[in-house]
Amino acid sequence: MLNKIFLVLLAVAIMAIGVLTYLPYSWLDSITKPADVQTNYQFYSNISWAFLLISSLILLLFGNLLLWKTRRSWAMWATLLYFVVFIFAQTFWLDRAFFNYQQTAGLTRDTISFSPFSGVILVVLSAVIVFFNQYLVKRLHDKMIPATPPVEALPADLPTGEKNI
């Protein structure tokens, strides 16, 4: 049941962040003044970033719950994949398109955008966080709920004709 709840949450988050990623991009095709486009783009882009971070945190917490209950970490890695895909979409595609718009509209004199570099750093950092989070949750689970010891070998000197209970 928890798996299905996580999958529903993930699907809702993907649809919502898809819309919130498209909204800033749609402003780049607007025919209004470039200063207005820049303001509206940044407004919707900030909402998109905030939603991505909050939804990833909620999915990661739910992934921790699934890891605790089922001892399977697929939900945490699915959350990381969700985060990575949309970080790359925002830093490599969306921010790059906005940077090109700024250059053509004369709103910036910069020649290079550091957004893809920050996206790669965020992805590596989030992968490290998920890995150590998984490690800590498994260790805490083992400390709080120790595994049952394996059955030791039966003694070799049991009589063959007697029934042991």
N, C-alpha and C. Protein backbone atom coordinates (compact mmCIF):
# COMPACT_ATOMS: atom_id res chain seq x y z
N MET A 1 0.82 -1.19 0.00
CA MET A 1 0.00 0.00 0.00
C MET A 1 0.86 1.27 0.00
N LEU A 2 1.94 1.23 0.80
CA LEU A 2 2.83 2.40 0.84
C LEU A 2 3.50 2.63 -0.51
N ASN A 3 3.78 1.54 -1.23
CA ASN A 3 4.38 1.68 -2.56
C ASN A 3 3.45 2.43 -3.51
N LYS A 4 2.17 2.09 -3.46
CA LYS A 4 1.20 2.75 -4.33
C LYS A 4 1.03 4.22 -3.96
N ILE A 5 1.04 4.52 -2.68
CA ILE A 5 0.92 5.91 -2.24
C ILE A 5 2.13 6.71 -2.74
N PHE A 6 3.31 6.12 -2.63
CA PHE A 6 4.51 6.80 -3.12
C PHE A 6 4.42 7.04 -4.62
N LEU A 7 3.98 6.04 -5.37
CA LEU A 7 3.89 6.19 -6.83
C LEU A 7 2.87 7.27 -7.21
N VAL A 8 1.78 7.37 -6.48
CA VAL A 8 0.79 8.42 -6.74
C VAL A 8 1.41 9.79 -6.43
N LEU A 9 2.10 9.90 -5.30
CA LEU A 9 2.76 11.16 -4.96
C LEU A 9 3.79 11.55 -6.02
N LEU A 10 4.54 10.58 -6.49
CA LEU A 10 5.55 10.84 -7.51
C LEU A 10 4.90 11.29 -8.81
N ALA A 11 3.81 10.66 -9.22
CA ALA A 11 3.12 11.05 -10.45
C ALA A 11 2.55 12.46 -10.34
N VAL A 12 1.96 12.78 -9.19
CA VAL A 12 1.42 14.13 -8.99
C VAL A 12 2.54 15.16 -9.02
N ALA A 13 3.67 14.84 -8.38
CA ALA A 13 4.81 15.76 -8.37
C ALA A 13 5.37 15.96 -9.78
N ILE A 14 5.43 14.90 -10.56
CA ILE A 14 5.95 15.02 -11.93
C ILE A 14 5.04 15.90 -12.78
N MET A 15 3.73 15.69 -12.65
CA MET A 15 2.80 16.52 -13.43
C MET A 15 2.88 17.98 -13.00
N ALA A 16 2.93 18.22 -11.70
CA ALA A 16 2.97 19.60 -11.21
C ALA A 16 4.27 20.30 -11.60
N ILE A 17 5.40 19.63 -11.45
CA ILE A 17 6.66 20.28 -11.80
C ILE A 17 6.78 20.43 -13.32
N GLY A 18 6.14 19.56 -14.07
CA GLY A 18 6.11 19.73 -15.53
C GLY A 18 5.40 21.02 -15.91
N VAL A 19 4.27 21.28 -15.29
CA VAL A 19 3.54 22.53 -15.55
C VAL A 19 4.35 23.73 -15.06
N LEU A 20 4.92 23.59 -13.87
CA LEU A 20 5.68 24.71 -13.31
C LEU A 20 7.00 24.95 -14.04
N THR A 21 7.48 23.98 -14.78
CA THR A 21 8.66 24.19 -15.62
C THR A 21 8.27 24.84 -16.94
N TYR A 22 7.08 24.51 -17.42
CA TYR A 22 6.63 25.10 -18.68
C TYR A 22 6.24 26.57 -18.53
N LEU A 23 5.71 26.95 -17.39
CA LEU A 23 5.25 28.35 -17.21
C LEU A 23 6.36 29.38 -17.43
N PRO A 24 7.54 29.22 -16.82
CA PRO A 24 8.60 30.21 -17.11
C PRO A 24 9.03 30.18 -18.57
N TYR A 25 9.07 28.98 -19.16
CA TYR A 25 9.47 28.88 -20.56
C TYR A 25 8.49 29.60 -21.48
N SER A 26 7.21 29.54 -21.14
CA SER A 26 6.21 30.20 -21.99
C SER A 26 6.39 31.72 -21.99
N TRP A 27 6.95 32.26 -20.93
CA TRP A 27 7.18 33.71 -20.90
C TRP A 27 8.29 34.14 -21.85
N LEU A 28 9.16 33.22 -22.21
CA LEU A 28 10.25 33.58 -23.12
C LEU A 28 9.74 33.83 -24.53
N ASP A 29 8.54 33.34 -24.88
CA ASP A 29 7.95 33.58 -26.19
C ASP A 29 6.97 34.75 -26.18
N SER A 30 6.91 35.46 -25.07
CA SER A 30 5.97 36.56 -24.94
C SER A 30 6.42 37.75 -25.78
N ILE A 31 5.45 38.55 -26.20
CA ILE A 31 5.76 39.72 -27.04
C ILE A 31 5.76 41.01 -26.23
N THR A 32 5.68 40.89 -24.91
CA THR A 32 5.70 42.09 -24.07
C THR A 32 7.12 42.62 -23.95
N LYS A 33 7.28 43.67 -23.17
CA LYS A 33 8.60 44.28 -22.98
C LYS A 33 9.56 43.27 -22.35
N PRO A 34 10.82 43.30 -22.76
CA PRO A 34 11.80 42.36 -22.20
C PRO A 34 11.94 42.45 -20.68
N ALA A 35 11.80 43.63 -20.11
CA ALA A 35 11.90 43.76 -18.65
C ALA A 35 10.75 43.03 -17.96
N ASP A 36 9.55 43.10 -18.56
CA ASP A 36 8.40 42.37 -18.00
C ASP A 36 8.58 40.86 -18.15
N VAL A 37 9.10 40.45 -19.28
CA VAL A 37 9.36 39.02 -19.49
C VAL A 37 10.36 38.52 -18.46
N GLN A 38 11.41 39.29 -18.22
CA GLN A 38 12.42 38.88 -17.26
C GLN A 38 11.82 38.78 -15.85
N THR A 39 11.02 39.73 -15.46
CA THR A 39 10.39 39.73 -14.14
C THR A 39 9.46 38.52 -13.97
N ASN A 40 8.60 38.30 -14.96
CA ASN A 40 7.66 37.19 -14.87
C ASN A 40 8.37 35.84 -14.96
N TYR A 41 9.39 35.75 -15.80
CA TYR A 41 10.17 34.51 -15.88
C TYR A 41 10.78 34.18 -14.51
N GLN A 42 11.41 35.16 -13.90
CA GLN A 42 12.05 34.91 -12.61
C GLN A 42 11.03 34.55 -11.53
N PHE A 43 9.85 35.16 -11.57
CA PHE A 43 8.80 34.85 -10.60
C PHE A 43 8.38 33.38 -10.71
N TYR A 44 8.05 32.96 -11.94
CA TYR A 44 7.61 31.57 -12.13
C TYR A 44 8.75 30.57 -11.97
N SER A 45 9.94 30.97 -12.31
CA SER A 45 11.09 30.10 -12.12
C SER A 45 11.37 29.87 -10.64
N ASN A 46 11.23 30.91 -9.84
CA ASN A 46 11.41 30.75 -8.38
C ASN A 46 10.36 29.83 -7.78
N ILE A 47 9.12 29.94 -8.26
CA ILE A 47 8.07 29.03 -7.80
C ILE A 47 8.42 27.58 -8.19
N SER A 48 8.90 27.41 -9.39
CA SER A 48 9.27 26.08 -9.87
C SER A 48 10.40 25.48 -9.04
N TRP A 49 11.42 26.28 -8.75
CA TRP A 49 12.54 25.81 -7.93
C TRP A 49 12.08 25.43 -6.53
N ALA A 50 11.24 26.27 -5.94
CA ALA A 50 10.74 25.99 -4.59
C ALA A 50 9.92 24.71 -4.57
N PHE A 51 9.06 24.54 -5.56
CA PHE A 51 8.26 23.32 -5.61
C PHE A 51 9.13 22.10 -5.80
N LEU A 52 10.14 22.20 -6.65
CA LEU A 52 11.03 21.05 -6.87
C LEU A 52 11.75 20.65 -5.59
N LEU A 53 12.25 21.62 -4.86
CA LEU A 53 12.97 21.31 -3.63
C LEU A 53 12.03 20.75 -2.56
N ILE A 54 10.86 21.35 -2.39
CA ILE A 54 9.92 20.88 -1.37
C ILE A 54 9.37 19.50 -1.73
N SER A 55 9.00 19.30 -2.98
CA SER A 55 8.45 18.01 -3.38
C SER A 55 9.51 16.91 -3.29
N SER A 56 10.75 17.23 -3.62
CA SER A 56 11.82 16.24 -3.49
C SER A 56 12.05 15.87 -2.03
N LEU A 57 11.98 16.85 -1.15
CA LEU A 57 12.14 16.57 0.27
C LEU A 57 10.99 15.70 0.79
N ILE A 58 9.76 15.99 0.38
CA ILE A 58 8.62 15.18 0.81
C ILE A 58 8.75 13.75 0.27
N LEU A 59 9.12 13.61 -0.99
CA LEU A 59 9.30 12.28 -1.56
C LEU A 59 10.44 11.53 -0.88
N LEU A 60 11.50 12.24 -0.53
CA LEU A 60 12.62 11.59 0.17
C LEU A 60 12.20 11.13 1.56
N LEU A 61 11.43 11.92 2.26
CA LEU A 61 10.93 11.51 3.57
C LEU A 61 10.02 10.29 3.45
N PHE A 62 9.17 10.28 2.44
CA PHE A 62 8.32 9.12 2.23
C PHE A 62 9.15 7.91 1.81
N GLY A 63 10.22 8.14 1.05
CA GLY A 63 11.14 7.07 0.71
C GLY A 63 11.83 6.50 1.94
N ASN A 64 12.14 7.37 2.91
CA ASN A 64 12.70 6.89 4.17
C ASN A 64 11.71 5.99 4.90
N LEU A 65 10.44 6.36 4.89
CA LEU A 65 9.41 5.54 5.52
C LEU A 65 9.31 4.18 4.84
N LEU A 66 9.35 4.18 3.51
CA LEU A 66 9.31 2.92 2.78
C LEU A 66 10.54 2.07 3.06
N LEU A 67 11.70 2.70 3.15
CA LEU A 67 12.92 1.96 3.46
C LEU A 67 12.83 1.36 4.85
N TRP A 68 12.28 2.08 5.78
CA TRP A 68 12.16 1.60 7.15
C TRP A 68 11.20 0.41 7.23
N LYS A 69 10.08 0.52 6.52
CA LYS A 69 9.05 -0.51 6.60
C LYS A 69 9.39 -1.75 5.77
N THR A 70 9.91 -1.55 4.57
CA THR A 70 10.09 -2.68 3.64
C THR A 70 11.54 -3.09 3.43
N ARG A 71 12.48 -2.28 3.92
CA ARG A 71 13.91 -2.54 3.73
C ARG A 71 14.31 -2.49 2.25
N ARG A 72 13.55 -1.76 1.45
CA ARG A 72 13.88 -1.57 0.03
C ARG A 72 14.03 -0.08 -0.23
N SER A 73 15.07 0.27 -0.94
CA SER A 73 15.40 1.68 -1.11
C SER A 73 15.05 2.23 -2.48
N TRP A 74 14.22 1.56 -3.24
CA TRP A 74 13.91 2.01 -4.59
C TRP A 74 13.24 3.38 -4.59
N ALA A 75 12.45 3.68 -3.58
CA ALA A 75 11.74 4.95 -3.55
C ALA A 75 12.71 6.13 -3.38
N MET A 76 13.75 5.92 -2.61
CA MET A 76 14.74 6.99 -2.42
C MET A 76 15.48 7.27 -3.73
N TRP A 77 15.80 6.20 -4.47
CA TRP A 77 16.52 6.39 -5.72
C TRP A 77 15.59 6.91 -6.81
N ALA A 78 14.31 6.58 -6.75
CA ALA A 78 13.34 7.17 -7.68
C ALA A 78 13.19 8.66 -7.42
N THR A 79 13.23 9.04 -6.15
CA THR A 79 13.19 10.46 -5.79
C THR A 79 14.42 11.18 -6.33
N LEU A 80 15.57 10.54 -6.20
CA LEU A 80 16.80 11.14 -6.74
C LEU A 80 16.69 11.29 -8.26
N LEU A 81 16.16 10.30 -8.94
CA LEU A 81 16.00 10.38 -10.39
C LEU A 81 15.05 11.52 -10.77
N TYR A 82 13.95 11.66 -10.03
CA TYR A 82 13.01 12.77 -10.24
C TYR A 82 13.74 14.11 -10.08
N PHE A 83 14.51 14.24 -9.02
CA PHE A 83 15.24 15.48 -8.75
C PHE A 83 16.25 15.76 -9.85
N VAL A 84 17.00 14.74 -10.26
CA VAL A 84 18.05 14.91 -11.27
C VAL A 84 17.45 15.33 -12.61
N VAL A 85 16.38 14.67 -13.02
CA VAL A 85 15.77 14.99 -14.32
C VAL A 85 15.32 16.45 -14.36
N PHE A 86 14.65 16.89 -13.30
CA PHE A 86 14.13 18.25 -13.34
C PHE A 86 15.18 19.31 -13.01
N ILE A 87 16.22 18.95 -12.29
CA ILE A 87 17.34 19.89 -12.12
C ILE A 87 18.04 20.10 -13.46
N PHE A 88 18.27 19.00 -14.18
CA PHE A 88 18.88 19.14 -15.49
C PHE A 88 17.97 19.91 -16.45
N ALA A 89 16.66 19.67 -16.37
CA ALA A 89 15.73 20.41 -17.23
C ALA A 89 15.78 21.90 -16.91
N GLN A 90 15.88 22.23 -15.64
CA GLN A 90 15.89 23.65 -15.27
C GLN A 90 17.23 24.30 -15.53
N THR A 91 18.32 23.63 -15.24
CA THR A 91 19.62 24.29 -15.36
C THR A 91 20.19 24.23 -16.78
N PHE A 92 19.99 23.11 -17.47
CA PHE A 92 20.57 23.00 -18.81
C PHE A 92 19.64 23.53 -19.89
N TRP A 93 18.34 23.32 -19.75
CA TRP A 93 17.42 23.73 -20.80
C TRP A 93 16.78 25.09 -20.50
N LEU A 94 16.11 25.20 -19.37
CA LEU A 94 15.33 26.40 -19.09
C LEU A 94 16.21 27.62 -18.81
N ASP A 95 17.18 27.47 -17.93
CA ASP A 95 18.06 28.61 -17.64
C ASP A 95 18.91 29.00 -18.84
N ARG A 96 19.26 28.01 -19.66
CA ARG A 96 20.03 28.31 -20.87
C ARG A 96 19.18 29.11 -21.86
N ALA A 97 17.91 28.73 -21.99
CA ALA A 97 17.00 29.47 -22.87
C ALA A 97 16.81 30.89 -22.36
N PHE A 98 16.70 31.05 -21.05
CA PHE A 98 16.55 32.39 -20.49
C PHE A 98 17.82 33.21 -20.70
N PHE A 99 18.97 32.59 -20.56
CA PHE A 99 20.23 33.29 -20.77
C PHE A 99 20.34 33.76 -22.22
N ASN A 100 19.94 32.89 -23.16
CA ASN A 100 19.95 33.29 -24.57
C ASN A 100 18.97 34.43 -24.83
N TYR A 101 17.82 34.41 -24.17
CA TYR A 101 16.85 35.49 -24.31
C TYR A 101 17.44 36.80 -23.77
N GLN A 102 18.09 36.72 -22.64
CA GLN A 102 18.70 37.92 -22.07
C GLN A 102 19.76 38.49 -23.00
N GLN A 103 20.55 37.63 -23.63
CA GLN A 103 21.58 38.10 -24.54
C GLN A 103 20.97 38.77 -25.78
N THR A 104 19.94 38.17 -26.34
CA THR A 104 19.34 38.74 -27.55
C THR A 104 18.55 40.02 -27.24
N ALA A 105 18.00 40.12 -26.02
CA ALA A 105 17.25 41.32 -25.64
C ALA A 105 18.16 42.41 -25.09
N GLY A 106 19.43 42.12 -24.91
CA GLY A 106 20.37 43.11 -24.39
C GLY A 106 20.23 43.35 -22.90
N LEU A 107 19.76 42.34 -22.16
CA LEU A 107 19.59 42.50 -20.71
C LEU A 107 20.81 42.07 -19.91
N THR A 108 21.76 41.44 -20.57
CA THR A 108 22.99 41.02 -19.88
C THR A 108 24.17 41.15 -20.83
N ARG A 109 25.32 41.34 -20.22
CA ARG A 109 26.56 41.40 -21.00
C ARG A 109 27.42 40.16 -20.75
N ASP A 110 26.92 39.26 -19.92
CA ASP A 110 27.67 38.04 -19.64
C ASP A 110 27.77 37.18 -20.90
N THR A 111 28.85 36.43 -20.99
CA THR A 111 29.04 35.55 -22.13
C THR A 111 28.92 34.08 -21.75
N ILE A 112 28.88 33.79 -20.48
CA ILE A 112 28.78 32.40 -20.03
C ILE A 112 27.78 32.32 -18.87
N SER A 113 27.04 31.23 -18.87
CA SER A 113 26.07 30.99 -17.80
C SER A 113 26.62 29.89 -16.89
N PHE A 114 26.60 30.14 -15.60
CA PHE A 114 27.10 29.16 -14.66
C PHE A 114 26.01 28.23 -14.13
N SER A 115 24.82 28.35 -14.67
CA SER A 115 23.70 27.53 -14.22
C SER A 115 23.94 26.03 -14.42
N PRO A 116 24.46 25.56 -15.57
CA PRO A 116 24.72 24.13 -15.70
C PRO A 116 25.74 23.61 -14.69
N PHE A 117 26.72 24.41 -14.34
CA PHE A 117 27.70 23.98 -13.35
C PHE A 117 27.05 23.81 -11.98
N SER A 118 26.19 24.75 -11.64
CA SER A 118 25.50 24.63 -10.36
C SER A 118 24.53 23.45 -10.37
N GLY A 119 23.94 23.14 -11.52
CA GLY A 119 23.07 21.97 -11.62
C GLY A 119 23.82 20.67 -11.39
N VAL A 120 25.01 20.57 -11.96
CA VAL A 120 25.82 19.36 -11.74
C VAL A 120 26.23 19.24 -10.28
N ILE A 121 26.59 20.35 -9.67
CA ILE A 121 26.97 20.32 -8.26
C ILE A 121 25.78 19.90 -7.40
N LEU A 122 24.59 20.42 -7.69
CA LEU A 122 23.38 20.03 -6.95
C LEU A 122 23.08 18.54 -7.10
N VAL A 123 23.26 18.01 -8.31
CA VAL A 123 23.00 16.60 -8.54
C VAL A 123 23.97 15.72 -7.76
N VAL A 124 25.24 16.05 -7.80
CA VAL A 124 26.24 15.27 -7.07
C VAL A 124 25.97 15.35 -5.57
N LEU A 125 25.69 16.54 -5.08
CA LEU A 125 25.39 16.72 -3.67
C LEU A 125 24.15 15.94 -3.25
N SER A 126 23.11 15.97 -4.06
CA SER A 126 21.89 15.23 -3.72
C SER A 126 22.13 13.72 -3.77
N ALA A 127 22.95 13.24 -4.68
CA ALA A 127 23.26 11.80 -4.73
C ALA A 127 24.01 11.37 -3.47
N VAL A 128 24.93 12.20 -3.02
CA VAL A 128 25.66 11.89 -1.78
C VAL A 128 24.70 11.89 -0.59
N ILE A 129 23.79 12.84 -0.56
CA ILE A 129 22.82 12.91 0.54
C ILE A 129 21.94 11.67 0.55
N VAL A 130 21.45 11.26 -0.61
CA VAL A 130 20.58 10.08 -0.67
C VAL A 130 21.35 8.83 -0.27
N PHE A 131 22.59 8.69 -0.71
CA PHE A 131 23.38 7.51 -0.36
C PHE A 131 23.59 7.42 1.16
N PHE A 132 24.02 8.52 1.77
CA PHE A 132 24.26 8.48 3.21
C PHE A 132 22.96 8.41 4.00
N ASN A 133 21.90 8.97 3.49
CA ASN A 133 20.60 8.85 4.13
C ASN A 133 20.17 7.38 4.16
N GLN A 134 20.33 6.70 3.04
CA GLN A 134 20.00 5.28 2.98
C GLN A 134 20.86 4.49 3.97
N TYR A 135 22.12 4.79 4.01
CA TYR A 135 23.03 4.09 4.92
C TYR A 135 22.61 4.31 6.37
N LEU A 136 22.30 5.54 6.73
CA LEU A 136 21.92 5.84 8.11
C LEU A 136 20.59 5.19 8.49
N VAL A 137 19.62 5.21 7.59
CA VAL A 137 18.33 4.60 7.90
C VAL A 137 18.49 3.09 8.09
N LYS A 138 19.28 2.46 7.25
CA LYS A 138 19.50 1.01 7.42
C LYS A 138 20.23 0.70 8.72
N ARG A 139 21.22 1.49 9.05
CA ARG A 139 21.95 1.28 10.31
C ARG A 139 21.04 1.49 11.52
N LEU A 140 20.23 2.56 11.50
CA LEU A 140 19.32 2.80 12.61
C LEU A 140 18.28 1.69 12.72
N HIS A 141 17.80 1.20 11.61
CA HIS A 141 16.84 0.11 11.62
C HIS A 141 17.46 -1.14 12.23
N ASP A 142 18.70 -1.43 11.87
CA ASP A 142 19.38 -2.61 12.42
C ASP A 142 19.64 -2.46 13.92
N LYS A 143 19.91 -1.25 14.37
CA LYS A 143 20.15 -1.03 15.80
C LYS A 143 18.85 -1.13 16.60
N MET A 144 17.77 -0.61 16.06
CA MET A 144 16.51 -0.60 16.79
C MET A 144 15.77 -1.93 16.70
N ILE A 145 15.82 -2.56 15.55
CA ILE A 145 15.16 -3.84 15.35
C ILE A 145 16.21 -4.82 14.84
N PRO A 146 16.92 -5.49 15.77
CA PRO A 146 17.98 -6.39 15.32
C PRO A 146 17.39 -7.60 14.59
N ALA A 147 18.14 -8.06 13.63
CA ALA A 147 17.71 -9.22 12.86
C ALA A 147 17.77 -10.47 13.75
N THR A 148 16.89 -11.40 13.49
CA THR A 148 16.90 -12.64 14.27
C THR A 148 18.14 -13.44 13.91
N PRO A 149 18.79 -14.02 14.93
CA PRO A 149 20.00 -14.78 14.62
C PRO A 149 19.66 -16.04 13.83
N PRO A 150 20.54 -16.46 12.96
CA PRO A 150 20.26 -17.67 12.17
C PRO A 150 20.26 -18.91 13.06
N VAL A 151 19.54 -19.91 12.63
CA VAL A 151 19.48 -21.17 13.37
C VAL A 151 20.84 -21.84 13.26
N GLU A 152 21.35 -22.23 14.42
CA GLU A 152 22.65 -22.89 14.41
C GLU A 152 22.49 -24.33 13.95
N ALA A 153 23.56 -24.94 13.59
CA ALA A 153 23.53 -26.32 13.10
C ALA A 153 23.05 -27.26 14.20
N LEU A 154 22.35 -28.27 13.80
CA LEU A 154 21.88 -29.26 14.76
C LEU A 154 23.06 -30.08 15.26
N PRO A 155 23.00 -30.51 16.50
CA PRO A 155 24.10 -31.34 16.99
C PRO A 155 24.15 -32.67 16.23
N ALA A 156 25.33 -33.17 16.07
CA ALA A 156 25.54 -34.39 15.29
C ALA A 156 25.21 -35.65 16.09
N ASP A 157 25.10 -35.56 17.40
CA ASP A 157 24.92 -36.76 18.21
C ASP A 157 23.46 -37.07 18.53
N LEU A 158 22.52 -36.68 17.71
CA LEU A 158 21.13 -37.02 17.94
C LEU A 158 20.88 -38.46 17.58
N PRO A 159 20.18 -39.18 18.44
CA PRO A 159 19.85 -40.57 18.10
C PRO A 159 18.88 -40.59 16.92
N THR A 160 19.01 -41.54 16.10
CA THR A 160 18.19 -41.58 14.88
C THR A 160 16.80 -42.13 15.13
N GLY A 161 16.62 -42.95 16.14
CA GLY A 161 15.32 -43.58 16.36
C GLY A 161 14.40 -42.78 17.25
N GLU A 162 14.89 -41.84 18.02
CA GLU A 162 14.05 -41.09 18.95
C GLU A 162 13.47 -39.86 18.28
N LYS A 163 12.29 -39.50 18.76
CA LYS A 163 11.66 -38.28 18.26
C LYS A 163 11.99 -37.15 19.21
N ASN A 164 12.49 -36.11 18.70
CA ASN A 164 12.79 -34.91 19.50
C ASN A 164 11.76 -33.84 19.23
N ILE A 165 11.32 -33.25 20.28
CA ILE A 165 10.32 -32.22 20.13
C ILE A 165 10.97 -30.87 20.26
